[in-house]
C-alpha cells in the first residue's frame, strides 16, 4: 500500500519541503557565485554566468536573489539571528563575554564545515572594498540582536538608557570577530578560526 503521507506525483510539495528545497538551491547558487567571484572578481562576474553555472536561467536566479550583492551577503541577517539564538541558549552561569564567544561557534563551525567556500568568501570581501563595507554594515546590525541577552546577563535595563556596557560588549565581540577573520585570511587558514577568535577575545580580558 502506498504511503499516504507522501505527496502524489504532480501534487504540490508541502510547504516545509518547498522551503528546504529553496534553501538548498540558494546554498548551491551562493556556492557557485562565491567561487566565480573569487576566480574572476565581483565586478566581472555577471548574473548570467552565475545562473548558467548553477543550471538556472537568469529569471530563475532572481527568484532566489534580488541582486549580485544579495547572493554574496544574503545570509548575513540570518546568521545574526542564529548567533543571537545561540547566545540566548548558553548556560545561565556563563558570563556575558564567555557566552558571546561560545555563541560565535555558529560561525567557526561554518568555516570548519566548508573551509574553501569560507576562504573564497573572505578573499572576495578583501578584494571588493564596497562589498566588505556593506558586509560590515550588515554585521553591525547584529548588535541590537545581541544586546538584550547581554543586558539580561548583566542585570541591566534592556531598554536604551545610560548603561553602555551591553552595547560595548556586543561591539567589542564583533570587532574581535572581524580581527580573527582578517587574520584567518592572512594566514591562508593555517590556524583555525576558532583559535584566532579565542586569541582576539582573550586579549581583552588579559
N, C-alpha and C. Protein backbone atom coordinates (compact mmCIF):
# COMPACT_ATOMS: atom_id res chain seq x y z
N UNK A 1 0.86 -1.19 0.00
CA UNK A 1 0.00 0.00 0.00
C UNK A 1 0.89 1.24 0.00
N UNK A 2 0.50 2.20 -0.81
CA UNK A 2 1.29 3.42 -0.89
C UNK A 2 1.19 4.19 0.41
N UNK A 3 2.27 4.88 0.76
CA UNK A 3 2.31 5.71 1.96
C UNK A 3 1.50 6.97 1.70
N UNK A 4 0.39 7.12 2.41
CA UNK A 4 -0.49 8.26 2.16
C UNK A 4 0.11 9.57 2.62
N UNK A 5 1.24 9.51 3.39
CA UNK A 5 1.84 10.76 3.87
C UNK A 5 2.74 11.38 2.81
N UNK A 6 3.05 10.64 1.74
CA UNK A 6 3.91 11.16 0.69
C UNK A 6 3.05 11.84 -0.36
N UNK A 7 3.55 12.99 -0.92
CA UNK A 7 2.78 13.66 -1.97
C UNK A 7 2.74 12.80 -3.22
N UNK A 8 1.61 12.75 -3.87
CA UNK A 8 1.49 12.00 -5.12
C UNK A 8 2.16 12.78 -6.24
N UNK A 9 2.48 12.07 -7.32
CA UNK A 9 3.13 12.70 -8.45
C UNK A 9 2.27 13.84 -8.98
N UNK A 10 2.88 14.98 -9.17
CA UNK A 10 2.16 16.13 -9.71
C UNK A 10 1.49 16.97 -8.65
N UNK A 11 1.44 16.50 -7.42
CA UNK A 11 0.81 17.30 -6.37
C UNK A 11 1.81 18.29 -5.82
N UNK A 12 1.36 19.44 -5.29
CA UNK A 12 2.29 20.43 -4.76
C UNK A 12 3.06 19.85 -3.58
N UNK A 13 4.33 20.21 -3.49
CA UNK A 13 5.14 19.78 -2.35
C UNK A 13 4.68 20.50 -1.09
N UNK A 14 4.70 19.83 0.06
CA UNK A 14 4.36 20.51 1.31
C UNK A 14 5.25 21.73 1.50
N UNK A 15 4.72 22.73 2.22
CA UNK A 15 5.46 23.98 2.36
C UNK A 15 6.82 23.76 3.01
N UNK A 16 6.91 22.84 3.99
CA UNK A 16 8.19 22.57 4.63
C UNK A 16 9.21 22.04 3.64
N UNK A 17 8.76 21.14 2.75
CA UNK A 17 9.65 20.58 1.73
C UNK A 17 10.06 21.67 0.75
N UNK A 18 9.11 22.50 0.35
CA UNK A 18 9.44 23.60 -0.58
C UNK A 18 10.49 24.52 0.03
N UNK A 19 10.32 24.82 1.31
CA UNK A 19 11.28 25.70 1.99
C UNK A 19 12.66 25.08 2.01
N UNK A 20 12.73 23.77 2.29
CA UNK A 20 14.03 23.11 2.32
C UNK A 20 14.67 23.08 0.93
N UNK A 21 13.86 22.83 -0.09
CA UNK A 21 14.37 22.81 -1.46
C UNK A 21 14.87 24.20 -1.87
N UNK A 22 14.11 25.21 -1.48
CA UNK A 22 14.51 26.58 -1.81
C UNK A 22 15.82 26.93 -1.10
N UNK A 23 15.91 26.55 0.17
CA UNK A 23 17.12 26.84 0.94
C UNK A 23 18.32 26.11 0.33
N UNK A 24 18.13 24.86 -0.07
CA UNK A 24 19.22 24.09 -0.68
C UNK A 24 19.66 24.73 -2.00
N UNK A 25 18.71 25.19 -2.78
CA UNK A 25 19.06 25.82 -4.06
C UNK A 25 19.79 27.14 -3.82
N UNK A 26 19.34 27.91 -2.85
CA UNK A 26 20.04 29.16 -2.52
C UNK A 26 21.49 28.88 -2.12
N UNK A 27 21.68 27.84 -1.32
CA UNK A 27 23.04 27.49 -0.90
C UNK A 27 23.90 27.10 -2.09
N UNK A 28 23.30 26.34 -3.03
CA UNK A 28 24.04 25.90 -4.20
C UNK A 28 24.42 27.08 -5.09
N UNK A 29 23.46 27.96 -5.33
CA UNK A 29 23.73 29.14 -6.17
C UNK A 29 24.78 30.02 -5.50
N UNK A 30 24.67 30.19 -4.20
CA UNK A 30 25.63 31.03 -3.49
C UNK A 30 27.04 30.44 -3.57
N UNK A 31 27.18 29.13 -3.43
CA UNK A 31 28.49 28.50 -3.52
C UNK A 31 29.11 28.73 -4.90
N UNK A 32 28.29 28.59 -5.94
CA UNK A 32 28.76 28.85 -7.31
C UNK A 32 29.19 30.29 -7.45
N UNK A 33 28.38 31.21 -6.95
CA UNK A 33 28.68 32.64 -7.09
C UNK A 33 29.96 33.02 -6.37
N UNK A 34 30.12 32.53 -5.15
CA UNK A 34 31.33 32.86 -4.38
C UNK A 34 32.58 32.35 -5.10
N UNK A 35 32.48 31.16 -5.68
CA UNK A 35 33.62 30.63 -6.43
C UNK A 35 33.95 31.51 -7.63
N UNK A 36 32.92 31.90 -8.39
CA UNK A 36 33.15 32.75 -9.55
C UNK A 36 33.67 34.12 -9.14
N UNK A 37 33.13 34.67 -8.06
CA UNK A 37 33.63 35.95 -7.59
C UNK A 37 35.11 35.86 -7.24
N UNK A 38 35.49 34.77 -6.58
CA UNK A 38 36.89 34.60 -6.18
C UNK A 38 37.80 34.43 -7.40
N UNK A 39 37.30 33.75 -8.44
CA UNK A 39 38.11 33.48 -9.63
C UNK A 39 38.21 34.70 -10.55
N UNK A 40 37.09 35.43 -10.69
CA UNK A 40 37.01 36.49 -11.70
C UNK A 40 36.94 37.89 -11.12
N UNK A 41 36.59 37.98 -9.85
CA UNK A 41 36.31 39.29 -9.26
C UNK A 41 34.81 39.53 -9.25
N UNK A 42 34.37 40.30 -8.28
CA UNK A 42 32.94 40.56 -8.11
C UNK A 42 32.37 41.32 -9.30
N UNK A 43 33.06 42.37 -9.71
CA UNK A 43 32.53 43.24 -10.76
C UNK A 43 32.45 42.52 -12.11
N UNK A 44 33.40 41.63 -12.39
CA UNK A 44 33.45 40.99 -13.70
C UNK A 44 32.51 39.79 -13.82
N UNK A 45 31.98 39.35 -12.71
CA UNK A 45 31.07 38.19 -12.74
C UNK A 45 29.64 38.68 -12.95
N UNK A 46 28.96 38.11 -13.91
CA UNK A 46 27.59 38.53 -14.22
C UNK A 46 26.57 37.56 -13.62
N UNK A 47 25.37 38.06 -13.47
CA UNK A 47 24.28 37.20 -13.01
C UNK A 47 24.08 36.05 -13.98
N UNK A 48 24.20 36.33 -15.28
CA UNK A 48 24.03 35.28 -16.28
C UNK A 48 25.04 34.14 -16.10
N UNK A 49 26.30 34.48 -15.79
CA UNK A 49 27.31 33.45 -15.56
C UNK A 49 26.97 32.61 -14.34
N UNK A 50 26.56 33.28 -13.27
CA UNK A 50 26.21 32.55 -12.05
C UNK A 50 25.06 31.59 -12.33
N UNK A 51 24.03 32.10 -13.00
CA UNK A 51 22.86 31.27 -13.29
C UNK A 51 23.24 30.07 -14.16
N UNK A 52 24.04 30.31 -15.20
CA UNK A 52 24.43 29.22 -16.09
C UNK A 52 25.21 28.13 -15.35
N UNK A 53 26.17 28.56 -14.51
CA UNK A 53 26.97 27.59 -13.75
C UNK A 53 26.10 26.79 -12.78
N UNK A 54 25.05 27.44 -12.26
CA UNK A 54 24.17 26.77 -11.30
C UNK A 54 23.04 26.00 -11.98
N UNK A 55 22.99 26.05 -13.32
CA UNK A 55 21.95 25.34 -14.05
C UNK A 55 20.60 26.01 -14.01
N UNK A 56 20.61 27.35 -13.90
CA UNK A 56 19.37 28.11 -13.85
C UNK A 56 19.32 29.10 -15.00
N UNK A 57 18.13 29.60 -15.28
CA UNK A 57 18.01 30.75 -16.16
C UNK A 57 18.22 32.02 -15.32
N UNK A 58 18.49 33.12 -15.99
CA UNK A 58 18.64 34.38 -15.25
C UNK A 58 17.36 34.74 -14.52
N UNK A 59 16.22 34.46 -15.14
CA UNK A 59 14.95 34.74 -14.49
C UNK A 59 14.80 33.92 -13.22
N UNK A 60 15.22 32.66 -13.26
CA UNK A 60 15.13 31.81 -12.07
C UNK A 60 16.06 32.31 -10.97
N UNK A 61 17.24 32.83 -11.37
CA UNK A 61 18.16 33.39 -10.38
C UNK A 61 17.46 34.43 -9.52
N UNK A 62 16.69 35.30 -10.15
CA UNK A 62 16.05 36.40 -9.44
C UNK A 62 14.87 35.94 -8.58
N UNK A 63 14.51 34.68 -8.68
CA UNK A 63 13.52 34.15 -7.73
C UNK A 63 14.18 33.88 -6.38
N UNK A 64 15.49 33.71 -6.40
CA UNK A 64 16.21 33.39 -5.16
C UNK A 64 16.96 34.59 -4.60
N UNK A 65 17.46 35.46 -5.48
CA UNK A 65 18.25 36.60 -5.04
C UNK A 65 17.85 37.84 -5.84
N UNK A 66 17.80 38.96 -5.16
CA UNK A 66 17.42 40.20 -5.83
C UNK A 66 18.55 40.82 -6.63
N UNK A 67 19.78 40.70 -6.12
CA UNK A 67 20.94 41.33 -6.75
C UNK A 67 22.16 40.42 -6.59
N UNK A 68 23.24 40.82 -7.28
CA UNK A 68 24.52 40.13 -7.10
C UNK A 68 25.01 40.29 -5.66
N UNK A 69 24.82 41.45 -5.09
CA UNK A 69 25.23 41.69 -3.71
C UNK A 69 24.49 40.75 -2.76
N UNK A 70 23.21 40.51 -3.04
CA UNK A 70 22.42 39.62 -2.19
C UNK A 70 22.97 38.20 -2.19
N UNK A 71 23.45 37.74 -3.33
CA UNK A 71 23.94 36.37 -3.39
C UNK A 71 25.23 36.24 -2.59
N UNK A 72 25.99 37.33 -2.47
CA UNK A 72 27.21 37.30 -1.67
C UNK A 72 26.94 37.47 -0.19
N UNK A 73 25.98 38.33 0.15
CA UNK A 73 25.78 38.72 1.55
C UNK A 73 24.41 38.34 2.09
N UNK A 74 23.63 37.63 1.30
CA UNK A 74 22.22 37.43 1.64
C UNK A 74 21.94 36.69 2.92
N UNK A 75 22.90 35.89 3.44
CA UNK A 75 22.62 35.14 4.65
C UNK A 75 23.14 35.83 5.91
N UNK A 76 23.63 37.07 5.77
CA UNK A 76 24.23 37.76 6.92
C UNK A 76 23.21 37.99 8.03
N UNK A 77 22.00 38.43 7.66
CA UNK A 77 20.98 38.67 8.68
C UNK A 77 20.57 37.37 9.37
N UNK A 78 20.43 36.30 8.59
CA UNK A 78 20.05 35.01 9.16
C UNK A 78 21.12 34.51 10.14
N UNK A 79 22.38 34.69 9.78
CA UNK A 79 23.46 34.28 10.67
C UNK A 79 23.42 35.08 11.98
N UNK A 80 23.09 36.36 11.88
CA UNK A 80 22.96 37.16 13.08
C UNK A 80 21.90 36.63 14.01
N UNK A 81 20.78 36.21 13.44
CA UNK A 81 19.71 35.64 14.26
C UNK A 81 20.16 34.31 14.89
N UNK A 82 20.93 33.53 14.14
CA UNK A 82 21.41 32.25 14.68
C UNK A 82 22.40 32.48 15.83
N UNK A 83 23.26 33.47 15.69
CA UNK A 83 24.20 33.79 16.77
C UNK A 83 23.44 34.28 18.00
N UNK A 84 22.43 35.13 17.79
CA UNK A 84 21.64 35.63 18.92
C UNK A 84 20.92 34.48 19.62
N UNK A 85 20.39 33.53 18.84
CA UNK A 85 19.71 32.38 19.44
C UNK A 85 20.70 31.51 20.22
N UNK A 86 21.90 31.34 19.66
CA UNK A 86 22.93 30.56 20.36
C UNK A 86 23.34 31.25 21.66
N UNK A 87 23.42 32.57 21.64
CA UNK A 87 23.74 33.32 22.86
C UNK A 87 22.68 33.11 23.93
N UNK A 88 21.43 33.20 23.54
CA UNK A 88 20.33 33.03 24.49
C UNK A 88 20.29 31.61 25.06
N UNK A 89 20.82 30.65 24.31
CA UNK A 89 20.78 29.25 24.75
C UNK A 89 21.97 28.86 25.63
N UNK A 90 22.91 29.77 25.81
CA UNK A 90 24.08 29.43 26.62
C UNK A 90 23.69 29.28 28.09
N UNK A 91 24.46 28.47 28.86
CA UNK A 91 24.13 28.26 30.27
C UNK A 91 24.05 29.57 31.06
N UNK A 92 23.14 29.59 32.00
CA UNK A 92 22.91 30.80 32.78
C UNK A 92 24.15 31.27 33.53
N UNK A 93 24.98 30.31 33.96
CA UNK A 93 26.13 30.69 34.79
C UNK A 93 27.27 31.32 34.00
N UNK A 94 27.21 31.27 32.66
CA UNK A 94 28.28 31.87 31.87
C UNK A 94 28.22 33.39 31.92
N UNK A 95 29.38 33.99 32.06
CA UNK A 95 29.46 35.44 32.00
C UNK A 95 29.21 35.89 30.56
N UNK A 96 28.74 37.11 30.37
CA UNK A 96 28.37 37.55 29.02
C UNK A 96 29.47 37.39 27.98
N UNK A 97 30.73 37.70 28.34
CA UNK A 97 31.81 37.63 27.36
C UNK A 97 32.06 36.19 26.91
N UNK A 98 32.04 35.26 27.86
CA UNK A 98 32.22 33.85 27.52
C UNK A 98 31.04 33.35 26.70
N UNK A 99 29.84 33.77 27.07
CA UNK A 99 28.65 33.35 26.32
C UNK A 99 28.71 33.87 24.88
N UNK A 100 29.19 35.09 24.69
CA UNK A 100 29.36 35.62 23.34
C UNK A 100 30.36 34.79 22.54
N UNK A 101 31.47 34.46 23.19
CA UNK A 101 32.47 33.66 22.48
C UNK A 101 31.89 32.33 22.04
N UNK A 102 31.18 31.68 22.91
CA UNK A 102 30.61 30.37 22.58
C UNK A 102 29.50 30.51 21.53
N UNK A 103 28.76 31.60 21.55
CA UNK A 103 27.72 31.82 20.53
C UNK A 103 28.34 31.93 19.14
N UNK A 104 29.56 32.45 19.06
CA UNK A 104 30.23 32.56 17.77
C UNK A 104 30.67 31.21 17.22
N UNK A 105 30.50 30.14 17.99
CA UNK A 105 30.78 28.81 17.46
C UNK A 105 29.91 28.51 16.25
N UNK A 106 28.75 29.16 16.15
CA UNK A 106 27.90 29.03 14.96
C UNK A 106 28.72 29.37 13.72
N UNK A 107 29.55 30.41 13.81
CA UNK A 107 30.33 30.88 12.67
C UNK A 107 31.60 30.05 12.46
N UNK A 108 32.29 29.72 13.55
CA UNK A 108 33.53 28.95 13.38
C UNK A 108 33.24 27.56 12.83
N UNK A 109 32.05 27.02 13.14
CA UNK A 109 31.68 25.71 12.61
C UNK A 109 31.47 25.76 11.10
N UNK A 110 30.93 26.87 10.62
CA UNK A 110 30.76 27.04 9.17
C UNK A 110 32.11 26.99 8.47
N UNK A 111 33.12 27.65 9.07
CA UNK A 111 34.45 27.64 8.48
C UNK A 111 35.05 26.23 8.50
N UNK A 112 34.75 25.47 9.54
CA UNK A 112 35.26 24.10 9.60
C UNK A 112 34.57 23.21 8.58
N UNK A 113 33.26 23.40 8.42
CA UNK A 113 32.48 22.54 7.53
C UNK A 113 32.78 22.80 6.06
N UNK A 114 33.01 24.07 5.72
CA UNK A 114 33.24 24.43 4.31
C UNK A 114 34.38 25.45 4.24
N UNK A 115 35.60 25.02 4.55
CA UNK A 115 36.72 25.98 4.63
C UNK A 115 37.03 26.65 3.30
N UNK A 116 36.94 25.91 2.19
CA UNK A 116 37.26 26.52 0.89
C UNK A 116 36.25 27.60 0.54
N UNK A 117 34.98 27.31 0.74
CA UNK A 117 33.96 28.30 0.43
C UNK A 117 34.11 29.52 1.35
N UNK A 118 34.40 29.27 2.62
CA UNK A 118 34.58 30.38 3.57
C UNK A 118 35.78 31.24 3.18
N UNK A 119 36.87 30.60 2.78
CA UNK A 119 38.05 31.36 2.37
C UNK A 119 37.77 32.17 1.11
N UNK A 120 37.08 31.58 0.16
CA UNK A 120 36.72 32.31 -1.05
C UNK A 120 35.89 33.54 -0.72
N UNK A 121 34.97 33.37 0.21
CA UNK A 121 34.12 34.49 0.59
C UNK A 121 34.93 35.61 1.24
N UNK A 122 35.83 35.25 2.16
CA UNK A 122 36.62 36.26 2.85
C UNK A 122 37.59 36.95 1.88
N UNK A 123 38.15 36.20 0.94
CA UNK A 123 39.01 36.82 -0.06
C UNK A 123 38.22 37.79 -0.93
N UNK A 124 37.00 37.39 -1.26
CA UNK A 124 36.13 38.26 -2.03
C UNK A 124 35.93 39.59 -1.32
N UNK A 125 35.65 39.54 -0.02
CA UNK A 125 35.43 40.77 0.73
C UNK A 125 36.68 41.65 0.71
N UNK A 126 37.85 41.02 0.82
CA UNK A 126 39.09 41.80 0.83
C UNK A 126 39.40 42.41 -0.54
N UNK A 127 38.90 41.77 -1.61
CA UNK A 127 39.15 42.27 -2.95
C UNK A 127 38.15 43.35 -3.37
N UNK A 128 36.96 43.31 -2.80
CA UNK A 128 35.89 44.24 -3.19
C UNK A 128 35.55 45.11 -2.00
N UNK A 129 36.23 46.25 -1.89
CA UNK A 129 36.07 47.11 -0.72
C UNK A 129 34.62 47.53 -0.48
N UNK A 130 33.85 47.91 -1.50
CA UNK A 130 32.45 48.29 -1.23
C UNK A 130 31.64 47.13 -0.66
N UNK A 131 31.93 45.91 -1.13
CA UNK A 131 31.21 44.74 -0.63
C UNK A 131 31.59 44.47 0.82
N UNK A 132 32.87 44.65 1.14
CA UNK A 132 33.32 44.44 2.52
C UNK A 132 32.68 45.46 3.45
N UNK A 133 32.60 46.71 2.99
CA UNK A 133 31.96 47.74 3.80
C UNK A 133 30.49 47.42 4.02
N UNK A 134 29.83 46.93 3.00
CA UNK A 134 28.41 46.56 3.11
C UNK A 134 28.25 45.37 4.06
N UNK A 135 29.18 44.43 3.98
CA UNK A 135 29.12 43.27 4.87
C UNK A 135 29.23 43.71 6.32
N UNK A 136 30.17 44.59 6.61
CA UNK A 136 30.35 45.05 7.98
C UNK A 136 29.17 45.91 8.44
N UNK A 137 28.58 46.62 7.51
CA UNK A 137 27.36 47.38 7.85
C UNK A 137 26.24 46.43 8.25
N UNK A 138 26.10 45.34 7.50
CA UNK A 138 25.07 44.35 7.83
C UNK A 138 25.39 43.68 9.17
N UNK A 139 26.66 43.40 9.41
CA UNK A 139 27.06 42.78 10.67
C UNK A 139 26.84 43.73 11.85
N UNK A 140 26.99 45.02 11.60
CA UNK A 140 26.73 46.00 12.66
C UNK A 140 25.30 45.87 13.18
N UNK A 141 24.42 45.42 12.29
CA UNK A 141 23.02 45.26 12.68
C UNK A 141 22.80 44.06 13.61
N UNK A 142 23.85 43.26 13.84
CA UNK A 142 23.74 42.18 14.82
C UNK A 142 23.71 42.73 16.25
N UNK A 143 24.26 43.91 16.46
CA UNK A 143 24.37 44.44 17.81
C UNK A 143 23.02 44.49 18.54
N UNK A 144 21.98 45.08 17.93
CA UNK A 144 20.70 45.10 18.65
C UNK A 144 20.09 43.72 18.88
N UNK A 145 20.54 42.71 18.12
CA UNK A 145 20.08 41.35 18.36
C UNK A 145 20.75 40.75 19.59
N UNK A 146 21.98 41.16 19.85
CA UNK A 146 22.76 40.59 20.95
C UNK A 146 22.57 41.34 22.26
N UNK A 147 22.31 42.63 22.18
CA UNK A 147 22.26 43.48 23.38
C UNK A 147 21.22 43.03 24.41
N UNK A 148 20.00 42.64 24.02
CA UNK A 148 19.02 42.26 25.06
C UNK A 148 19.49 41.12 25.95
N UNK A 149 20.09 40.08 25.35
CA UNK A 149 20.56 38.96 26.16
C UNK A 149 21.77 39.34 27.00
N UNK A 150 22.65 40.15 26.45
CA UNK A 150 23.79 40.64 27.24
C UNK A 150 23.28 41.45 28.42
N UNK A 151 22.30 42.31 28.17
CA UNK A 151 21.73 43.13 29.25
C UNK A 151 21.14 42.25 30.34
N UNK A 152 20.43 41.21 29.94
CA UNK A 152 19.82 40.32 30.92
C UNK A 152 20.88 39.65 31.78
N UNK A 153 21.96 39.22 31.14
CA UNK A 153 23.01 38.54 31.89
C UNK A 153 23.77 39.50 32.80
N UNK A 154 23.80 40.76 32.44
CA UNK A 154 24.44 41.77 33.28
C UNK A 154 23.50 42.30 34.37
N UNK A 155 22.22 41.95 34.25
CA UNK A 155 21.24 42.52 35.17
C UNK A 155 20.98 43.98 34.89
N UNK A 156 21.17 44.38 33.63
CA UNK A 156 20.99 45.78 33.23
C UNK A 156 19.60 45.99 32.65
N UNK A 157 19.20 47.23 32.56
CA UNK A 157 17.93 47.59 31.95
C UNK A 157 18.03 47.32 30.45
N UNK A 158 17.17 46.46 29.89
CA UNK A 158 17.26 46.16 28.46
C UNK A 158 16.88 47.32 27.57
N UNK A 159 16.16 48.32 28.12
CA UNK A 159 15.78 49.48 27.32
C UNK A 159 16.97 50.42 27.19
N UNK A 160 17.05 51.17 26.08
CA UNK A 160 18.15 52.13 25.93
C UNK A 160 18.18 53.08 27.12
N UNK A 161 19.34 53.31 27.66
CA UNK A 161 19.46 54.17 28.82
C UNK A 161 20.86 54.67 28.98
N UNK A 162 21.31 54.77 30.22
CA UNK A 162 22.63 55.34 30.46
C UNK A 162 23.68 54.27 30.77
N UNK A 163 23.37 53.00 30.46
CA UNK A 163 24.32 51.91 30.70
C UNK A 163 24.91 51.46 29.37
N UNK A 164 26.17 51.80 29.10
CA UNK A 164 26.76 51.45 27.80
C UNK A 164 27.33 50.04 27.75
N UNK A 165 27.32 49.32 28.85
CA UNK A 165 28.03 48.05 28.91
C UNK A 165 27.54 47.01 27.91
N UNK A 166 26.23 46.78 27.79
CA UNK A 166 25.79 45.76 26.82
C UNK A 166 26.22 46.06 25.40
N UNK A 167 26.06 47.32 24.98
CA UNK A 167 26.45 47.69 23.62
C UNK A 167 27.96 47.60 23.46
N UNK A 168 28.71 47.99 24.49
CA UNK A 168 30.17 47.91 24.42
C UNK A 168 30.63 46.48 24.26
N UNK A 169 30.02 45.55 24.99
CA UNK A 169 30.40 44.14 24.87
C UNK A 169 30.06 43.60 23.49
N UNK A 170 28.88 43.91 22.98
CA UNK A 170 28.49 43.44 21.66
C UNK A 170 29.43 43.97 20.58
N UNK A 171 29.71 45.27 20.64
CA UNK A 171 30.58 45.89 19.64
C UNK A 171 32.00 45.33 19.72
N UNK A 172 32.50 45.15 20.95
CA UNK A 172 33.86 44.62 21.12
C UNK A 172 33.96 43.19 20.60
N UNK A 173 32.94 42.38 20.88
CA UNK A 173 32.96 40.99 20.43
C UNK A 173 32.95 40.91 18.91
N UNK A 174 32.15 41.74 18.26
CA UNK A 174 32.11 41.73 16.80
C UNK A 174 33.42 42.26 16.22
N UNK A 175 34.05 43.22 16.90
CA UNK A 175 35.35 43.69 16.47
C UNK A 175 36.40 42.59 16.55
N UNK A 176 36.35 41.80 17.62
CA UNK A 176 37.27 40.66 17.75
C UNK A 176 37.02 39.64 16.65
N UNK A 177 35.76 39.43 16.30
CA UNK A 177 35.42 38.50 15.22
C UNK A 177 36.02 38.97 13.90
N UNK A 178 35.90 40.26 13.62
CA UNK A 178 36.49 40.81 12.39
C UNK A 178 38.01 40.62 12.39
N UNK A 179 38.66 40.89 13.53
CA UNK A 179 40.12 40.75 13.62
C UNK A 179 40.54 39.30 13.38
N UNK A 180 39.80 38.37 13.97
CA UNK A 180 40.11 36.96 13.80
C UNK A 180 39.92 36.52 12.35
N UNK A 181 38.84 36.99 11.73
CA UNK A 181 38.56 36.62 10.34
C UNK A 181 39.63 37.17 9.40
N UNK A 182 40.04 38.43 9.60
CA UNK A 182 41.08 39.01 8.76
C UNK A 182 42.40 38.25 8.91
N UNK A 183 42.71 37.85 10.13
CA UNK A 183 43.94 37.10 10.38
C UNK A 183 43.86 35.71 9.75
N UNK A 184 42.68 35.11 9.79
CA UNK A 184 42.48 33.78 9.20
C UNK A 184 42.77 33.82 7.71
N UNK A 185 42.34 34.89 7.04
CA UNK A 185 42.63 35.02 5.60
C UNK A 185 44.12 35.27 5.39
N UNK A 186 44.70 36.13 6.21
CA UNK A 186 46.12 36.48 6.06
C UNK A 186 47.03 35.26 6.21
N UNK A 187 46.64 34.34 7.09
CA UNK A 187 47.47 33.13 7.29
C UNK A 187 47.01 31.98 6.41
N UNK A 188 46.12 32.26 5.44
CA UNK A 188 45.63 31.26 4.49
C UNK A 188 44.96 30.09 5.20
N UNK A 189 44.32 30.36 6.33
CA UNK A 189 43.60 29.33 7.04
C UNK A 189 44.47 28.32 7.74
N UNK A 190 45.76 28.63 7.90
CA UNK A 190 46.66 27.67 8.55
C UNK A 190 46.37 27.51 10.04
N UNK A 191 45.76 28.52 10.63
CA UNK A 191 45.32 28.44 12.02
C UNK A 191 43.79 28.49 12.04
N UNK A 192 43.19 27.60 12.80
CA UNK A 192 41.74 27.51 12.85
C UNK A 192 41.13 28.83 13.30
N UNK A 193 40.02 29.22 12.68
CA UNK A 193 39.37 30.48 13.05
C UNK A 193 39.00 30.50 14.52
N UNK A 194 38.57 29.38 15.06
CA UNK A 194 38.18 29.34 16.47
C UNK A 194 39.35 29.70 17.37
N UNK A 195 40.55 29.23 17.02
CA UNK A 195 41.75 29.54 17.80
C UNK A 195 42.05 31.04 17.71
N UNK A 196 41.96 31.60 16.52
CA UNK A 196 42.21 33.03 16.34
C UNK A 196 41.18 33.87 17.08
N UNK A 197 39.94 33.40 17.09
CA UNK A 197 38.90 34.13 17.81
C UNK A 197 39.14 34.07 19.31
N UNK A 198 39.58 32.92 19.80
CA UNK A 198 39.95 32.83 21.22
C UNK A 198 41.03 33.84 21.56
N UNK A 199 42.05 33.92 20.71
CA UNK A 199 43.16 34.84 20.98
C UNK A 199 42.69 36.29 20.97
N UNK A 200 41.87 36.64 19.99
CA UNK A 200 41.44 38.03 19.89
C UNK A 200 40.52 38.44 21.03
N UNK A 201 39.69 37.52 21.50
CA UNK A 201 38.79 37.85 22.61
C UNK A 201 39.51 37.75 23.95
N UNK A 202 40.45 36.83 24.07
CA UNK A 202 41.18 36.67 25.34
C UNK A 202 42.03 37.89 25.66
N UNK A 203 42.54 38.57 24.62
CA UNK A 203 43.43 39.70 24.88
C UNK A 203 42.70 40.83 25.61
N UNK A 204 41.39 40.89 25.45
CA UNK A 204 40.62 41.94 26.12
C UNK A 204 40.30 41.60 27.57
N UNK A 205 40.62 40.40 27.97
CA UNK A 205 40.40 40.00 29.37
C UNK A 205 41.72 39.75 30.10
N UNK A 206 42.85 39.97 29.37
CA UNK A 206 44.16 39.71 29.97
C UNK A 206 44.50 40.75 31.03
